[in-house]
Amino acid sequence: FVFRQSGNSFHVFDQGQFAKEVLPKYFKHNNMASFVRQLNMYGFRKVVHIEQGGLVKPEKDDTEFQHPYFIRGQEHLLENIKRKVTSVSSIKNEDIKVRQDNVTKLLTDIQVMKGKQESMDSKLIAMK
């Protein structure tokens, strides 16, 4: 793990060694894919250079990541790095609200039907 000279990104030169030696010191795992997934959740992005074109895998086991608030010597910016809220969870919250509204409407409809049923029952008794 090394900061780029400009200080606005960092490199993992040997992913295997990084996963084996560094990750277990700071995480409960040594899985590079899990680490990258965590980086993505916090807004870090893999840097793809033009010469790589994004389609060709780099020949070296070298991966570079950047985040607008992860800059060498700018520790005060770190507080701005926050886990992203996924759109899936917000959709689920909306679904829950819609479902609660549906349940409320159903309960109201059931009460109305129950009232009508009781009214019909009393009319039938009167007719008998």
Protein backbone atom coordinates (compact mmCIF):
# COMPACT_ATOMS: atom_id res chain seq x y z
CA PHE A 1 0.00 0.00 0.00
CA VAL A 2 1.60 3.23 -1.17
CA PHE A 3 0.26 6.71 -1.80
CA ARG A 4 0.77 7.99 -5.31
CA GLN A 5 3.32 10.78 -5.43
CA SER A 6 0.54 13.35 -5.94
CA GLY A 7 -1.12 12.04 -2.75
CA ASN A 8 -4.60 11.72 -4.26
CA SER A 9 -4.67 7.94 -4.70
CA PHE A 10 -3.09 4.81 -3.27
CA HIS A 11 -1.70 1.65 -4.86
CA VAL A 12 -1.84 -1.92 -3.77
CA PHE A 13 1.11 -3.41 -5.64
CA ASP A 14 0.84 -7.03 -4.53
CA GLN A 15 -2.77 -7.93 -3.76
CA GLY A 16 -1.88 -11.39 -2.45
CA GLN A 17 0.65 -10.09 0.03
CA PHE A 18 -1.62 -7.17 0.99
CA ALA A 19 -4.52 -9.55 1.65
CA LYS A 20 -2.34 -11.95 3.61
CA GLU A 21 -0.37 -9.48 5.73
CA VAL A 22 -2.24 -6.16 5.96
CA LEU A 23 -5.96 -6.97 5.85
CA PRO A 24 -6.00 -9.31 8.89
CA LYS A 25 -4.43 -6.56 10.99
CA TYR A 26 -7.37 -4.21 10.39
CA PHE A 27 -10.28 -6.42 9.31
CA LYS A 28 -11.81 -9.74 10.33
CA HIS A 29 -10.87 -11.23 6.96
CA ASN A 30 -8.07 -11.47 4.43
CA ASN A 31 -10.22 -11.34 1.31
CA MET A 32 -9.16 -8.72 -1.24
CA ALA A 33 -12.54 -8.79 -3.00
CA SER A 34 -14.29 -7.98 0.28
CA PHE A 35 -11.87 -5.12 0.89
CA VAL A 36 -12.55 -3.70 -2.58
CA ARG A 37 -16.31 -4.03 -1.99
CA GLN A 38 -15.91 -2.07 1.27
CA LEU A 39 -13.90 0.60 -0.53
CA ASN A 40 -16.68 0.91 -3.11
CA MET A 41 -19.32 1.25 -0.37
CA TYR A 42 -17.40 4.22 0.98
CA GLY A 43 -17.06 5.90 -2.41
CA PHE A 44 -13.54 4.83 -3.36
CA ARG A 45 -13.09 4.11 -7.05
CA LYS A 46 -10.55 2.07 -8.93
CA VAL A 47 -8.37 4.30 -11.10
CA VAL A 48 -8.24 3.13 -14.70
CA HIS A 49 -5.59 4.71 -16.86
CA ILE A 50 -6.29 5.62 -20.48
CA GLU A 51 -3.60 3.29 -21.78
CA GLN A 52 -5.39 0.40 -20.04
CA GLY A 53 -8.66 1.43 -21.64
CA GLY A 54 -10.58 -0.19 -18.82
CA LEU A 55 -10.77 -3.43 -20.78
CA VAL A 56 -7.24 -4.77 -20.47
CA LYS A 57 -6.14 -6.01 -17.07
CA PRO A 58 -2.87 -4.43 -15.95
CA GLU A 59 0.07 -6.76 -16.35
CA LYS A 60 1.23 -6.10 -12.80
CA ASP A 61 -0.74 -7.10 -9.71
CA ASP A 62 -1.18 -3.35 -9.17
CA THR A 63 -4.46 -1.70 -8.28
CA GLU A 64 -4.96 2.01 -7.67
CA PHE A 65 -7.85 3.56 -5.73
CA GLN A 66 -8.91 7.15 -5.15
CA HIS A 67 -11.49 9.11 -3.20
CA PRO A 68 -11.99 12.89 -3.31
CA TYR A 69 -11.60 13.10 0.50
CA PHE A 70 -8.69 10.64 0.89
CA ILE A 71 -5.69 12.86 0.27
CA ARG A 72 -2.27 12.63 1.88
CA GLY A 73 -1.82 15.30 4.55
CA GLN A 74 -5.53 16.26 4.56
CA GLU A 75 -6.70 14.25 7.57
CA HIS A 76 -9.51 16.74 8.29
CA LEU A 77 -11.24 15.55 5.10
CA LEU A 78 -11.54 11.95 6.34
CA GLU A 79 -14.69 12.75 8.31
CA ASN A 80 -16.43 13.32 4.96
CA ILE A 81 -15.93 9.70 3.92
CA LYS A 82 -19.21 8.00 4.76
CA ARG A 83 -20.80 4.74 3.80
CA LYS A 84 -23.20 5.20 0.90
CA VAL A 85 -26.87 4.53 1.40
CA THR A 86 -27.93 2.09 -1.27
CA SER A 87 -30.99 2.84 -3.36
CA VAL A 88 -32.24 -0.69 -2.65
CA SER A 89 -32.71 0.11 1.04
CA SER A 90 -34.55 3.34 0.26
CA ILE A 91 -36.84 1.47 -2.12
CA LYS A 92 -37.52 -1.09 0.58
CA ASN A 93 -38.39 1.70 3.03
CA GLU A 94 -40.81 3.16 0.48
CA ASP A 95 -42.29 -0.30 -0.06
CA ILE A 96 -42.77 -0.66 3.69
CA LYS A 97 -44.59 2.69 3.85
CA VAL A 98 -46.82 1.68 0.93
CA ARG A 99 -47.53 -1.66 2.58
CA GLN A 100 -48.43 0.07 5.86
CA ASP A 101 -50.80 2.35 3.96
CA ASN A 102 -52.33 -0.72 2.26
CA VAL A 103 -52.78 -2.50 5.60
CA THR A 104 -54.46 0.59 7.09
CA LYS A 105 -56.82 0.79 4.11
CA LEU A 106 -57.60 -2.93 4.35
CA LEU A 107 -58.36 -2.66 8.06
CA THR A 108 -60.67 0.28 7.41
CA ASP A 109 -62.42 -1.64 4.61
CA ILE A 110 -62.82 -4.66 6.90
CA GLN A 111 -64.38 -2.49 9.62
CA VAL A 112 -66.85 -1.03 7.06
CA MET A 113 -67.72 -4.51 5.79
CA LYS A 114 -68.14 -5.79 9.34
CA GLY A 115 -70.55 -2.93 10.03
CA LYS A 116 -72.53 -3.72 6.87
CA GLN A 117 -72.60 -7.42 7.80
CA GLU A 118 -73.95 -6.64 11.27
CA SER A 119 -76.57 -4.36 9.74
CA MET A 120 -77.63 -7.08 7.29
CA ASP A 121 -77.74 -9.65 10.09
CA SER A 122 -80.04 -7.45 12.17
CA LYS A 123 -82.30 -6.81 9.14
CA LEU A 124 -82.52 -10.56 8.47
CA ILE A 125 -83.46 -11.21 12.08
CA ALA A 126 -86.15 -8.50 11.86
CA MET A 127 -87.52 -10.04 8.65
CA LYS A 128 -87.76 -13.49 10.22
